[in-house]
């Protein structure tokens, strides 16, 4: 059977789904009492701190 090239749409879907799986693997939830505590220098922690300040400022 001959090898067929993927059409542009299918190549895009393949890449998108691969990146989505990678993103989901990286986005693991950190639960309370977990052995791997979230670092305070983590970008996510910094963003949450800024959001908390904005919410507090706006009331």
Protein backbone atom coordinates (compact mmCIF):
# COMPACT_ATOMS: atom_id res chain seq x y z
CA UNK A 1 0.00 0.00 0.00
CA UNK A 2 1.35 3.40 -0.95
CA UNK A 3 2.19 6.00 1.65
CA UNK A 4 -0.05 9.01 1.27
CA UNK A 5 0.79 12.50 2.39
CA UNK A 6 -1.53 14.04 4.92
CA UNK A 7 -3.59 16.93 3.68
CA UNK A 8 -2.90 20.31 5.27
CA UNK A 9 -6.01 20.09 7.47
CA UNK A 10 -4.97 16.68 8.81
CA UNK A 11 -1.38 17.79 9.43
CA UNK A 12 -2.72 20.76 11.40
CA UNK A 13 -5.05 18.52 13.44
CA UNK A 14 -2.21 16.10 14.17
CA UNK A 15 0.04 18.91 15.42
CA UNK A 16 -2.76 20.57 17.40
CA UNK A 17 -3.77 17.35 19.15
CA UNK A 18 -0.13 16.54 19.97
CA UNK A 19 0.38 19.98 21.53
CA UNK A 20 -2.91 19.70 23.41
CA UNK A 21 -1.88 16.39 24.97
CA UNK A 22 1.46 17.92 25.95
CA UNK A 23 -0.30 20.90 27.56
CA UNK A 24 -2.67 18.63 29.49
CA UNK A 25 0.24 16.56 30.80
CA UNK A 26 1.97 19.72 32.04
CA UNK A 27 -1.19 21.12 33.66
CA UNK A 28 -1.28 18.72 36.58
CA UNK A 29 -3.31 19.78 39.58
CA UNK A 30 -1.39 20.34 42.79
CA UNK A 31 -3.56 19.27 45.69
CA UNK A 32 -3.29 20.30 49.31
CA UNK A 33 -1.07 17.95 51.26
CA UNK A 34 0.70 16.91 48.10
CA UNK A 35 4.37 15.95 48.38
CA UNK A 36 5.19 18.31 45.52
CA UNK A 37 4.25 21.73 46.82
CA UNK A 38 3.91 24.51 44.27
CA UNK A 39 6.97 26.73 44.17
CA UNK A 40 6.52 30.39 45.11
CA UNK A 41 8.70 31.38 42.14
CA UNK A 42 6.38 29.50 39.79
CA UNK A 43 4.79 31.75 37.14
CA UNK A 44 1.36 30.39 38.07
CA UNK A 45 1.88 31.38 41.70
CA UNK A 46 3.00 34.88 40.64
CA UNK A 47 -0.08 35.27 38.45
CA UNK A 48 -2.38 34.14 41.27
CA UNK A 49 -0.78 36.64 43.66
CA UNK A 50 -1.29 39.49 41.20
CA UNK A 51 -4.90 38.45 40.59
CA UNK A 52 -5.51 38.33 44.36
CA UNK A 53 -4.13 41.87 44.71
CA UNK A 54 -6.37 43.14 41.90
CA UNK A 55 -9.45 41.53 43.43
CA UNK A 56 -8.60 43.00 46.83
CA UNK A 57 -8.06 46.46 45.32
CA UNK A 58 -11.36 46.42 43.43
CA UNK A 59 -13.29 45.12 46.41
